[in-house]
Amino acid sequence: MTFRPLPAKASAALLHSSRPLLALFDQAQRIARLQALVDVQLEEAAREHCRVASWRDGCLLLLTSNGHWATRLHYQQRRLQRQLQALPEFAGLLKIQIKVRPPTGQVDYVGRKAELSSAAAESLTSAAEGISDPRLRAALERLANHAKPRE
């Protein structure tokens, strides 16, 4: 018996035929529209740090990237709520919740590279000369070789 793959379906056809996918897609579009409305009301600097997470039962949940932006939004919360209530999409807005949710993903650690001065390298070399253990001596000599060359 040979394996016969099922005929491929277009992604648009899959999206419109599967109810869970359709509901998820509709929710994503709804949140994107709400995000655009909220962005207009936010100050420009806050836009990249604030995301609409949900809108249900009169409660708008906003996620910020850190505590700094959460505090700034808390201070502007009443003004933002009044401005959003004036829009038909947010007519039933009762409260705004603000939570901190740092962006997910890989955080690149930029560490400081330790530099070894030539004086420190000389000190390590002289200390290595007086050590009888060959492994420790070799380790100190390797460390001394990492010294910044004199210019």
N, C-alpha and C. Protein backbone atom coordinates (compact mmCIF):
# COMPACT_ATOMS: atom_id res chain seq x y z
N MET A 1 0.84 -1.17 0.00
CA MET A 1 0.00 0.00 0.00
C MET A 1 0.89 1.23 0.00
N THR A 2 0.64 2.12 -0.90
CA THR A 2 1.44 3.34 -1.00
C THR A 2 0.72 4.49 -0.32
N PHE A 3 1.52 5.42 0.12
CA PHE A 3 0.99 6.60 0.81
C PHE A 3 0.58 7.64 -0.21
N ARG A 4 -0.65 8.07 -0.13
CA ARG A 4 -1.14 9.13 -1.03
C ARG A 4 -1.48 10.33 -0.18
N PRO A 5 -0.73 11.42 -0.34
CA PRO A 5 -1.03 12.61 0.47
C PRO A 5 -2.37 13.21 0.07
N LEU A 6 -3.00 13.82 1.03
CA LEU A 6 -4.26 14.50 0.76
C LEU A 6 -4.01 15.70 -0.14
N PRO A 7 -4.96 16.04 -0.96
CA PRO A 7 -4.76 17.20 -1.83
C PRO A 7 -4.60 18.47 -0.99
N ALA A 8 -3.68 19.29 -1.42
CA ALA A 8 -3.41 20.53 -0.68
C ALA A 8 -4.55 21.52 -0.88
N LYS A 9 -4.85 22.26 0.19
CA LYS A 9 -5.89 23.27 0.11
C LYS A 9 -5.23 24.64 0.26
N ALA A 10 -5.81 25.61 -0.36
CA ALA A 10 -5.31 26.98 -0.25
C ALA A 10 -5.50 27.46 1.18
N SER A 11 -4.59 28.30 1.66
CA SER A 11 -4.68 28.77 3.04
C SER A 11 -5.96 29.57 3.28
N ALA A 12 -6.41 30.30 2.29
CA ALA A 12 -7.65 31.06 2.45
C ALA A 12 -8.84 30.11 2.62
N ALA A 13 -8.83 29.01 1.89
CA ALA A 13 -9.92 28.03 2.00
C ALA A 13 -9.90 27.37 3.38
N LEU A 14 -8.71 27.07 3.88
CA LEU A 14 -8.61 26.50 5.23
C LEU A 14 -9.12 27.47 6.28
N LEU A 15 -8.75 28.72 6.12
CA LEU A 15 -9.13 29.73 7.09
C LEU A 15 -10.64 29.90 7.17
N HIS A 16 -11.29 29.83 6.04
CA HIS A 16 -12.74 30.06 6.01
C HIS A 16 -13.55 28.79 6.28
N SER A 17 -12.91 27.62 6.24
CA SER A 17 -13.66 26.39 6.47
C SER A 17 -13.56 25.90 7.91
N SER A 18 -12.53 26.28 8.62
CA SER A 18 -12.35 25.82 9.99
C SER A 18 -12.87 26.87 10.97
N ARG A 19 -13.85 26.51 11.77
CA ARG A 19 -14.46 27.47 12.70
C ARG A 19 -13.47 28.01 13.74
N PRO A 20 -12.65 27.16 14.36
CA PRO A 20 -11.71 27.73 15.33
C PRO A 20 -10.71 28.70 14.70
N LEU A 21 -10.24 28.35 13.50
CA LEU A 21 -9.32 29.27 12.82
C LEU A 21 -10.02 30.56 12.43
N LEU A 22 -11.24 30.45 11.99
CA LEU A 22 -12.00 31.63 11.59
C LEU A 22 -12.24 32.54 12.80
N ALA A 23 -12.58 31.94 13.94
CA ALA A 23 -12.80 32.74 15.15
C ALA A 23 -11.50 33.41 15.60
N LEU A 24 -10.39 32.69 15.51
CA LEU A 24 -9.09 33.25 15.89
C LEU A 24 -8.70 34.39 14.96
N PHE A 25 -8.93 34.21 13.68
CA PHE A 25 -8.61 35.24 12.69
C PHE A 25 -9.49 36.48 12.92
N ASP A 26 -10.76 36.29 13.19
CA ASP A 26 -11.66 37.42 13.46
C ASP A 26 -11.22 38.17 14.72
N GLN A 27 -10.84 37.44 15.76
CA GLN A 27 -10.38 38.07 17.00
C GLN A 27 -9.10 38.87 16.76
N ALA A 28 -8.19 38.33 15.97
CA ALA A 28 -6.94 39.04 15.66
C ALA A 28 -7.23 40.33 14.89
N GLN A 29 -8.15 40.26 13.94
CA GLN A 29 -8.51 41.46 13.18
C GLN A 29 -9.18 42.50 14.08
N ARG A 30 -10.03 42.04 14.98
CA ARG A 30 -10.73 42.94 15.91
C ARG A 30 -9.72 43.65 16.81
N ILE A 31 -8.77 42.91 17.34
CA ILE A 31 -7.76 43.51 18.21
C ILE A 31 -6.88 44.48 17.41
N ALA A 32 -6.59 44.16 16.17
CA ALA A 32 -5.79 45.06 15.34
C ALA A 32 -6.54 46.38 15.11
N ARG A 33 -7.86 46.31 14.89
CA ARG A 33 -8.65 47.55 14.71
C ARG A 33 -8.66 48.36 16.01
N LEU A 34 -8.83 47.68 17.15
CA LEU A 34 -8.83 48.38 18.43
C LEU A 34 -7.47 48.99 18.72
N GLN A 35 -6.40 48.28 18.35
CA GLN A 35 -5.05 48.81 18.56
C GLN A 35 -4.86 50.10 17.77
N ALA A 36 -5.36 50.13 16.55
CA ALA A 36 -5.23 51.35 15.73
C ALA A 36 -5.97 52.52 16.39
N LEU A 37 -7.13 52.25 16.97
CA LEU A 37 -7.89 53.32 17.64
C LEU A 37 -7.19 53.80 18.91
N VAL A 38 -6.61 52.87 19.65
CA VAL A 38 -5.89 53.24 20.87
C VAL A 38 -4.62 54.01 20.52
N ASP A 39 -3.93 53.59 19.45
CA ASP A 39 -2.69 54.27 19.05
C ASP A 39 -2.91 55.74 18.75
N VAL A 40 -4.06 56.06 18.16
CA VAL A 40 -4.36 57.46 17.84
C VAL A 40 -4.45 58.29 19.12
N GLN A 41 -4.92 57.70 20.20
CA GLN A 41 -5.11 58.43 21.45
C GLN A 41 -3.85 58.49 22.31
N LEU A 42 -2.90 57.60 22.06
CA LEU A 42 -1.67 57.57 22.86
C LEU A 42 -0.66 58.58 22.34
N GLU A 43 0.22 59.02 23.23
CA GLU A 43 1.31 59.86 22.76
C GLU A 43 2.24 59.00 21.91
N GLU A 44 2.93 59.63 20.99
CA GLU A 44 3.71 58.89 20.00
C GLU A 44 4.76 57.97 20.63
N ALA A 45 5.41 58.43 21.68
CA ALA A 45 6.46 57.63 22.30
C ALA A 45 5.91 56.37 22.95
N ALA A 46 4.67 56.39 23.40
CA ALA A 46 4.08 55.25 24.10
C ALA A 46 3.53 54.19 23.15
N ARG A 47 3.36 54.53 21.90
CA ARG A 47 2.70 53.60 20.97
C ARG A 47 3.44 52.28 20.81
N GLU A 48 4.75 52.33 20.75
CA GLU A 48 5.49 51.08 20.54
C GLU A 48 5.59 50.23 21.81
N HIS A 49 5.24 50.80 22.96
CA HIS A 49 5.34 50.09 24.23
C HIS A 49 3.99 49.62 24.77
N CYS A 50 2.92 49.90 24.07
CA CYS A 50 1.58 49.58 24.57
C CYS A 50 0.81 48.76 23.53
N ARG A 51 0.27 47.63 23.94
CA ARG A 51 -0.50 46.75 23.06
C ARG A 51 -1.86 46.44 23.68
N VAL A 52 -2.88 46.38 22.83
CA VAL A 52 -4.21 45.95 23.28
C VAL A 52 -4.18 44.44 23.40
N ALA A 53 -4.53 43.93 24.58
CA ALA A 53 -4.56 42.47 24.79
C ALA A 53 -5.97 41.92 24.64
N SER A 54 -6.94 42.62 25.23
CA SER A 54 -8.32 42.15 25.11
C SER A 54 -9.29 43.29 25.38
N TRP A 55 -10.53 43.07 24.95
CA TRP A 55 -11.63 44.01 25.17
C TRP A 55 -12.88 43.20 25.38
N ARG A 56 -13.30 43.09 26.63
CA ARG A 56 -14.53 42.34 26.92
C ARG A 56 -15.15 42.85 28.22
N ASP A 57 -16.45 42.76 28.29
CA ASP A 57 -17.23 43.15 29.47
C ASP A 57 -16.88 44.55 29.96
N GLY A 58 -16.65 45.46 29.03
CA GLY A 58 -16.38 46.85 29.41
C GLY A 58 -14.99 47.10 29.92
N CYS A 59 -14.11 46.12 29.84
CA CYS A 59 -12.75 46.26 30.35
C CYS A 59 -11.75 46.13 29.20
N LEU A 60 -10.92 47.14 29.05
CA LEU A 60 -9.87 47.14 28.04
C LEU A 60 -8.57 46.79 28.75
N LEU A 61 -7.90 45.73 28.31
CA LEU A 61 -6.63 45.32 28.90
C LEU A 61 -5.51 45.75 27.98
N LEU A 62 -4.62 46.59 28.51
CA LEU A 62 -3.46 47.05 27.77
C LEU A 62 -2.21 46.44 28.39
N LEU A 63 -1.31 45.98 27.53
CA LEU A 63 -0.04 45.43 27.98
C LEU A 63 1.07 46.41 27.63
N THR A 64 1.95 46.66 28.59
CA THR A 64 3.09 47.54 28.35
C THR A 64 4.37 46.74 28.44
N SER A 65 5.42 47.29 27.84
CA SER A 65 6.68 46.56 27.78
C SER A 65 7.47 46.60 29.09
N ASN A 66 7.22 47.60 29.92
CA ASN A 66 7.94 47.68 31.21
C ASN A 66 7.17 48.56 32.19
N GLY A 67 7.65 48.61 33.41
CA GLY A 67 6.98 49.36 34.46
C GLY A 67 6.94 50.86 34.22
N HIS A 68 7.95 51.37 33.55
CA HIS A 68 7.98 52.80 33.24
C HIS A 68 6.75 53.21 32.43
N TRP A 69 6.47 52.46 31.38
CA TRP A 69 5.34 52.81 30.53
C TRP A 69 4.01 52.51 31.22
N ALA A 70 3.98 51.51 32.07
CA ALA A 70 2.76 51.23 32.83
C ALA A 70 2.44 52.41 33.74
N THR A 71 3.44 52.95 34.40
CA THR A 71 3.23 54.11 35.28
C THR A 71 2.76 55.31 34.49
N ARG A 72 3.38 55.56 33.35
CA ARG A 72 2.96 56.70 32.52
C ARG A 72 1.52 56.54 32.06
N LEU A 73 1.14 55.33 31.69
CA LEU A 73 -0.24 55.10 31.26
C LEU A 73 -1.22 55.22 32.42
N HIS A 74 -0.80 54.81 33.61
CA HIS A 74 -1.67 54.96 34.78
C HIS A 74 -1.98 56.44 35.02
N TYR A 75 -0.99 57.30 34.85
CA TYR A 75 -1.22 58.73 35.03
C TYR A 75 -2.16 59.30 33.96
N GLN A 76 -2.16 58.71 32.79
CA GLN A 76 -3.01 59.20 31.69
C GLN A 76 -4.30 58.39 31.53
N GLN A 77 -4.55 57.50 32.45
CA GLN A 77 -5.66 56.56 32.30
C GLN A 77 -7.01 57.23 32.18
N ARG A 78 -7.31 58.24 33.00
CA ARG A 78 -8.63 58.90 32.94
C ARG A 78 -8.82 59.61 31.62
N ARG A 79 -7.80 60.33 31.18
CA ARG A 79 -7.89 61.04 29.90
C ARG A 79 -8.09 60.05 28.77
N LEU A 80 -7.32 58.97 28.78
CA LEU A 80 -7.43 57.96 27.74
C LEU A 80 -8.81 57.31 27.74
N GLN A 81 -9.34 57.03 28.91
CA GLN A 81 -10.66 56.41 29.01
C GLN A 81 -11.73 57.34 28.46
N ARG A 82 -11.67 58.64 28.80
CA ARG A 82 -12.66 59.60 28.26
C ARG A 82 -12.58 59.68 26.75
N GLN A 83 -11.36 59.73 26.21
CA GLN A 83 -11.20 59.84 24.76
C GLN A 83 -11.70 58.58 24.04
N LEU A 84 -11.42 57.43 24.63
CA LEU A 84 -11.86 56.18 24.00
C LEU A 84 -13.37 55.99 24.11
N GLN A 85 -13.98 56.43 25.22
CA GLN A 85 -15.42 56.30 25.38
C GLN A 85 -16.18 57.12 24.35
N ALA A 86 -15.54 58.15 23.81
CA ALA A 86 -16.17 58.97 22.78
C ALA A 86 -16.27 58.23 21.45
N LEU A 87 -15.50 57.16 21.28
CA LEU A 87 -15.54 56.39 20.04
C LEU A 87 -16.64 55.33 20.13
N PRO A 88 -17.33 55.06 19.04
CA PRO A 88 -18.42 54.07 19.09
C PRO A 88 -17.94 52.66 19.46
N GLU A 89 -16.73 52.30 19.08
CA GLU A 89 -16.21 50.96 19.38
C GLU A 89 -16.00 50.75 20.88
N PHE A 90 -15.74 51.85 21.60
CA PHE A 90 -15.48 51.78 23.04
C PHE A 90 -16.60 52.42 23.86
N ALA A 91 -17.80 52.46 23.33
CA ALA A 91 -18.91 53.12 24.02
C ALA A 91 -19.18 52.50 25.39
N GLY A 92 -18.99 51.21 25.54
CA GLY A 92 -19.27 50.54 26.81
C GLY A 92 -18.05 50.42 27.71
N LEU A 93 -17.02 51.20 27.47
CA LEU A 93 -15.78 51.11 28.25
C LEU A 93 -16.02 51.56 29.69
N LEU A 94 -15.78 50.67 30.64
CA LEU A 94 -15.95 50.97 32.06
C LEU A 94 -14.61 51.19 32.76
N LYS A 95 -13.60 50.41 32.36
CA LYS A 95 -12.29 50.58 32.99
C LYS A 95 -11.18 50.11 32.05
N ILE A 96 -10.00 50.61 32.34
CA ILE A 96 -8.81 50.22 31.60
C ILE A 96 -7.86 49.56 32.58
N GLN A 97 -7.45 48.35 32.27
CA GLN A 97 -6.45 47.65 33.06
C GLN A 97 -5.13 47.73 32.33
N ILE A 98 -4.06 47.97 33.08
CA ILE A 98 -2.74 48.07 32.49
C ILE A 98 -1.85 47.04 33.19
N LYS A 99 -1.24 46.19 32.39
CA LYS A 99 -0.34 45.17 32.94
C LYS A 99 0.99 45.23 32.21
N VAL A 100 2.03 44.83 32.93
CA VAL A 100 3.37 44.79 32.35
C VAL A 100 3.62 43.39 31.80
N ARG A 101 3.96 43.32 30.55
CA ARG A 101 4.34 42.07 29.92
C ARG A 101 5.52 42.37 28.99
N PRO A 102 6.74 42.09 29.47
CA PRO A 102 7.91 42.37 28.63
C PRO A 102 7.82 41.59 27.32
N PRO A 103 8.36 42.15 26.27
CA PRO A 103 8.31 41.45 24.98
C PRO A 103 9.05 40.12 25.07
N THR A 104 8.50 39.12 24.42
CA THR A 104 9.15 37.82 24.42
C THR A 104 10.18 37.77 23.31
N GLY A 105 11.10 36.87 23.46
CA GLY A 105 12.14 36.72 22.45
C GLY A 105 13.49 36.68 23.10
N GLN A 106 14.47 36.54 22.28
CA GLN A 106 15.84 36.44 22.73
C GLN A 106 16.36 37.82 23.10
N VAL A 107 16.87 37.94 24.29
CA VAL A 107 17.47 39.18 24.73
C VAL A 107 18.97 39.04 24.55
N ASP A 108 19.53 39.92 23.75
CA ASP A 108 20.97 39.87 23.53
C ASP A 108 21.68 40.54 24.69
N TYR A 109 22.53 39.77 25.34
CA TYR A 109 23.31 40.30 26.45
C TYR A 109 24.58 40.90 25.89
N VAL A 110 24.75 42.17 26.13
CA VAL A 110 25.96 42.84 25.70
C VAL A 110 26.83 43.00 26.93
N GLY A 111 27.68 42.06 27.09
CA GLY A 111 28.55 42.06 28.27
C GLY A 111 29.78 42.93 28.05
N ARG A 112 30.35 43.27 29.12
CA ARG A 112 31.56 44.07 29.07
C ARG A 112 32.73 43.11 28.94
N LYS A 113 33.60 43.36 27.99
CA LYS A 113 34.76 42.50 27.80
C LYS A 113 35.88 43.01 28.70
N ALA A 114 36.34 42.12 29.56
CA ALA A 114 37.42 42.49 30.48
C ALA A 114 38.72 42.58 29.70
N GLU A 115 39.44 43.64 29.95
CA GLU A 115 40.74 43.83 29.30
C GLU A 115 41.82 43.73 30.36
N LEU A 116 42.89 43.11 29.97
CA LEU A 116 44.00 42.89 30.87
C LEU A 116 45.13 43.84 30.48
N SER A 117 45.58 44.64 31.42
CA SER A 117 46.66 45.58 31.13
C SER A 117 47.98 44.83 31.02
N SER A 118 48.96 45.49 30.42
CA SER A 118 50.27 44.85 30.28
C SER A 118 50.94 44.68 31.65
N ALA A 119 50.68 45.58 32.57
CA ALA A 119 51.24 45.45 33.92
C ALA A 119 50.66 44.23 34.62
N ALA A 120 49.38 43.99 34.44
CA ALA A 120 48.75 42.81 35.04
C ALA A 120 49.29 41.55 34.40
N ALA A 121 49.53 41.60 33.08
CA ALA A 121 50.08 40.44 32.39
C ALA A 121 51.48 40.12 32.89
N GLU A 122 52.29 41.15 33.12
CA GLU A 122 53.64 40.94 33.66
C GLU A 122 53.57 40.34 35.06
N SER A 123 52.62 40.80 35.85
CA SER A 123 52.45 40.27 37.20
C SER A 123 52.06 38.80 37.16
N LEU A 124 51.16 38.43 36.25
CA LEU A 124 50.75 37.03 36.11
C LEU A 124 51.91 36.16 35.64
N THR A 125 52.71 36.68 34.72
CA THR A 125 53.86 35.92 34.21
C THR A 125 54.88 35.69 35.31
N SER A 126 55.16 36.72 36.10
CA SER A 126 56.13 36.55 37.19
C SER A 126 55.58 35.60 38.26
N ALA A 127 54.27 35.63 38.50
CA ALA A 127 53.68 34.70 39.47
C ALA A 127 53.76 33.28 38.94
N ALA A 128 53.60 33.10 37.63
CA ALA A 128 53.65 31.76 37.03
C ALA A 128 55.05 31.16 37.13
N GLU A 129 56.07 32.00 37.09
CA GLU A 129 57.44 31.51 37.16
C GLU A 129 57.73 30.85 38.51
N GLY A 130 57.08 31.31 39.56
CA GLY A 130 57.36 30.77 40.89
C GLY A 130 56.47 29.61 41.28
N ILE A 131 55.65 29.09 40.36
CA ILE A 131 54.70 28.02 40.70
C ILE A 131 55.23 26.70 40.15
N SER A 132 55.19 25.67 40.99
CA SER A 132 55.72 24.36 40.57
C SER A 132 54.65 23.51 39.87
N ASP A 133 53.37 23.74 40.13
CA ASP A 133 52.30 22.96 39.50
C ASP A 133 52.22 23.34 38.01
N PRO A 134 52.48 22.38 37.09
CA PRO A 134 52.54 22.72 35.67
C PRO A 134 51.18 23.18 35.10
N ARG A 135 50.08 22.62 35.59
CA ARG A 135 48.76 23.02 35.06
C ARG A 135 48.42 24.45 35.48
N LEU A 136 48.70 24.79 36.72
CA LEU A 136 48.42 26.15 37.20
C LEU A 136 49.33 27.15 36.50
N ARG A 137 50.59 26.75 36.31
CA ARG A 137 51.54 27.63 35.61
C ARG A 137 51.05 27.89 34.19
N ALA A 138 50.64 26.86 33.48
CA ALA A 138 50.17 27.02 32.10
C ALA A 138 48.92 27.89 32.06
N ALA A 139 48.02 27.74 33.03
CA ALA A 139 46.79 28.55 33.06
C ALA A 139 47.14 30.02 33.26
N LEU A 140 48.06 30.31 34.17
CA LEU A 140 48.46 31.71 34.40
C LEU A 140 49.14 32.30 33.17
N GLU A 141 49.93 31.51 32.49
CA GLU A 141 50.61 32.00 31.28
C GLU A 141 49.60 32.27 30.16
N ARG A 142 48.60 31.39 30.04
CA ARG A 142 47.55 31.63 29.02
C ARG A 142 46.78 32.90 29.33
N LEU A 143 46.49 33.10 30.60
CA LEU A 143 45.78 34.30 31.02
C LEU A 143 46.60 35.55 30.73
N ALA A 144 47.90 35.47 30.99
CA ALA A 144 48.79 36.61 30.73
C ALA A 144 48.86 36.92 29.24
N ASN A 145 48.69 35.91 28.38
CA ASN A 145 48.75 36.13 26.93
C ASN A 145 47.55 36.91 26.41
N HIS A 146 46.50 37.06 27.22
CA HIS A 146 45.31 37.82 26.80
C HIS A 146 45.46 39.32 27.03
N ALA A 147 46.63 39.74 27.43
CA ALA A 147 46.85 41.15 27.74
C ALA A 147 46.71 42.00 26.49
N LYS A 148 46.25 43.22 26.70
CA LYS A 148 46.13 44.18 25.61
C LYS A 148 47.54 44.59 25.17
N PRO A 149 47.85 44.44 23.88
CA PRO A 149 49.20 44.80 23.45
C PRO A 149 49.45 46.30 23.58
N ARG A 150 50.68 46.63 23.89
CA ARG A 150 51.04 48.05 24.01
C ARG A 150 51.06 48.69 22.64
N GLU A 151 50.55 49.92 22.60
CA GLU A 151 50.48 50.62 21.30
C GLU A 151 51.56 51.66 21.18
